[in-house]
C-alpha atoms as a PDB file:
ATOM      1  CA  MET A   1      -0.318  -0.013  -0.109  1.00  0.00           C
ATOM      2  CA  THR A   2       1.300   3.313  -1.245  1.00  0.00           C
ATOM      3  CA  GLU A   3       0.700   6.774   0.510  1.00  0.00           C
ATOM      4  CA  ALA A   4      -1.507   7.583  -2.232  1.00  0.00           C
ATOM      5  CA  ASP A   5      -3.045   4.484  -1.886  1.00  0.00           C
ATOM      6  CA  VAL A   6      -4.198   5.450   2.018  1.00  0.00           C
ATOM      7  CA  VAL A   7      -5.332   9.228   0.241  1.00  0.00           C
ATOM      8  CA  ASP A   8      -7.502   7.185  -1.702  1.00  0.00           C
ATOM      9  CA  LEU A   9      -9.106   4.612   0.865  1.00  0.00           C
ATOM     10  CA  ILE A  10      -9.297   7.962   3.410  1.00  0.00           C
ATOM     11  CA  VAL A  11     -11.205   9.808   0.637  1.00  0.00           C
ATOM     12  CA  GLU A  12     -13.256   6.845  -0.137  1.00  0.00           C
ATOM     13  CA  LEU A  13     -14.393   6.655   3.459  1.00  0.00           C
ATOM     14  CA  LEU A  14     -15.240  10.745   3.658  1.00  0.00           C
ATOM     15  CA  ALA A  15     -16.918  10.330   0.486  1.00  0.00           C
ATOM     16  CA  GLU A  16     -19.078   7.080   1.932  1.00  0.00           C
ATOM     17  CA  ASP A  17     -20.206   8.803   5.193  1.00  0.00           C
ATOM     18  CA  ALA A  18     -20.673  12.202   2.937  1.00  0.00           C
ATOM     19  CA  GLY A  19     -22.944  10.063   0.474  1.00  0.00           C
ATOM     20  CA  GLU A  20     -20.933  12.186  -2.079  1.00  0.00           C
ATOM     21  CA  ASN A  21     -18.329  10.699  -4.969  1.00  0.00           C
ATOM     22  CA  PRO A  22     -14.912  10.092  -4.187  1.00  0.00           C
ATOM     23  CA  GLY A  23     -13.986  11.926  -7.398  1.00  0.00           C
ATOM     24  CA  GLN A  24     -15.492  14.752  -6.751  1.00  0.00           C
ATOM     25  CA  LEU A  25     -14.931  14.668  -2.329  1.00  0.00           C
ATOM     26  CA  HIS A  26     -10.603  14.476  -3.798  1.00  0.00           C
ATOM     27  CA  ALA A  27     -10.913  17.492  -6.147  1.00  0.00           C
ATOM     28  CA  GLU A  28     -13.284  19.895  -3.586  1.00  0.00           C
ATOM     29  CA  LEU A  29     -10.606  18.564  -1.046  1.00  0.00           C
ATOM     30  CA  LEU A  30      -7.702  20.122  -3.156  1.00  0.00           C
ATOM     31  CA  GLU A  31      -9.530  23.021  -3.919  1.00  0.00           C
ATOM     32  CA  LEU A  32      -9.694  23.197  -0.054  1.00  0.00           C
ATOM     33  CA  GLY A  33      -6.094  22.243   0.738  1.00  0.00           C
ATOM     34  CA  ASP A  34      -6.814  18.845   1.863  1.00  0.00           C
ATOM     35  CA  ASP A  35      -8.765  19.813   5.100  1.00  0.00           C
ATOM     36  CA  MET A  36     -10.212  16.915   6.860  1.00  0.00           C
ATOM     37  CA  PRO A  37     -14.133  18.246   6.639  1.00  0.00           C
ATOM     38  CA  ILE A  38     -15.189  16.377   9.531  1.00  0.00           C
ATOM     39  CA  ASP A  39     -16.067  16.955  13.335  1.00  0.00           C
ATOM     40  CA  SER A  40     -14.255  15.037  15.782  1.00  0.00           C
ATOM     41  CA  LEU A  41     -16.891  12.604  16.587  1.00  0.00           C
ATOM     42  CA  LEU A  42     -16.249  11.707  12.604  1.00  0.00           C
ATOM     43  CA  GLY A  43     -12.691  11.442  12.850  1.00  0.00           C
ATOM     44  CA  VAL A  44     -12.486   8.880  15.172  1.00  0.00           C
ATOM     45  CA  ASP A  45     -14.855   7.010  13.163  1.00  0.00           C
ATOM     46  CA  ILE A  46     -12.576   7.228  10.463  1.00  0.00           C
ATOM     47  CA  LEU A  47      -9.907   6.752  12.079  1.00  0.00           C
ATOM     48  CA  ALA A  48     -11.045   3.331  13.430  1.00  0.00           C
ATOM     49  CA  ARG A  49     -11.601   2.240   9.784  1.00  0.00           C
ATOM     50  CA  VAL A  50      -8.769   2.786   8.513  1.00  0.00           C
ATOM     51  CA  GLN A  51      -6.613   1.393  10.753  1.00  0.00           C
ATOM     52  CA  ASN A  52      -8.854  -1.428  10.307  1.00  0.00           C
ATOM     53  CA  ALA A  53      -8.497  -1.174   6.270  1.00  0.00           C
ATOM     54  CA  THR A  54      -4.789  -1.181   6.478  1.00  0.00           C
ATOM     55  CA  GLY A  55      -4.000  -3.683  10.032  1.00  0.00           C
ATOM     56  CA  THR A  56      -1.936  -0.341  11.669  1.00  0.00           C
ATOM     57  CA  PHE A  57      -2.402   1.566  15.183  1.00  0.00           C
ATOM     58  CA  LEU A  58      -1.657   5.090  15.390  1.00  0.00           C
ATOM     59  CA  PRO A  59      -1.338   6.049  19.072  1.00  0.00           C
ATOM     60  CA  ALA A  60      -4.132   8.770  20.798  1.00  0.00           C
ATOM     61  CA  THR A  61      -1.588  11.460  20.858  1.00  0.00           C
ATOM     62  CA  GLU A  62      -1.233  15.178  19.786  1.00  0.00           C
ATOM     63  CA  GLU A  63       0.480  14.477  16.685  1.00  0.00           C
ATOM     64  CA  THR A  64      -2.405  11.829  15.497  1.00  0.00           C
ATOM     65  CA  ALA A  65      -4.407  14.436  16.435  1.00  0.00           C
ATOM     66  CA  TRP A  66      -2.271  17.449  14.310  1.00  0.00           C
ATOM     67  CA  ALA A  67      -2.406  14.679  11.258  1.00  0.00           C
ATOM     68  CA  MET A  68      -5.869  14.127  11.620  1.00  0.00           C
ATOM     69  CA  ARG A  69      -7.059  18.058  10.467  1.00  0.00           C
ATOM     70  CA  SER A  70      -5.436  17.091   6.528  1.00  0.00           C
ATOM     71  CA  VAL A  71      -5.774  14.204   4.775  1.00  0.00           C
ATOM     72  CA  ARG A  72      -2.101  14.253   3.141  1.00  0.00           C
ATOM     73  CA  ARG A  73      -1.019  14.212   7.086  1.00  0.00           C
ATOM     74  CA  PHE A  74      -3.647  11.724   8.176  1.00  0.00           C
ATOM     75  CA  ALA A  75      -2.408   9.413   4.899  1.00  0.00           C
ATOM     76  CA  ARG A  76       1.376  10.457   5.681  1.00  0.00           C
ATOM     77  CA  ALA A  77       1.447   9.242   9.201  1.00  0.00           C
ATOM     78  CA  VAL A  78      -0.582   5.988   8.848  1.00  0.00           C
ATOM     79  CA  PHE A  79       1.818   5.314   5.592  1.00  0.00           C
ATOM     80  CA  ARG A  80       4.978   5.662   7.820  1.00  0.00           C
ATOM     81  CA  GLN A  81       3.204   3.459  10.354  1.00  0.00           C
ATOM     82  CA  LEU A  82       2.521   0.704   8.292  1.00  0.00           C
ATOM     83  CA  GLU A  83       6.436   0.990   6.506  1.00  0.00           C
ATOM     84  CA  ALA A  84       7.448   1.106  10.717  1.00  0.00           C
ATOM     85  CA  GLN A  85       5.513  -2.011  11.012  1.00  0.00           C
ATOM     86  CA  ARG A  86       6.825  -3.555   7.959  1.00  0.00           C
ATOM     87  CA  SER A  87      10.383  -2.420   9.127  1.00  0.00           C
ATOM     88  CA  GLU A  88      10.038  -4.552  12.321  1.00  0.00           C
ATOM     89  CA  SER A  89       8.476  -7.460  10.667  1.00  0.00           C
ATOM     90  CA  ALA A  90      11.331  -7.830   8.452  1.00  0.00           C
END
């Protein structure tokens, strides 16, 4: 899974919750600078669903909370965690 795949996963989950087309939402996010268009409750749900889909875990830290304010930062944090897990298991 690449960082771009994680971005796509996050956008798909957000679009699903909003009842929007993922392509349309992706275009809107690019226009808005990739800010996460969600409240904190939906953020927790999206975090859990991304963790389940990727098999990774992000700790409940200030860094994770900051990363979740942006689709790209969130995807980067998930991708880094995936890479760390791969390195540990190798």
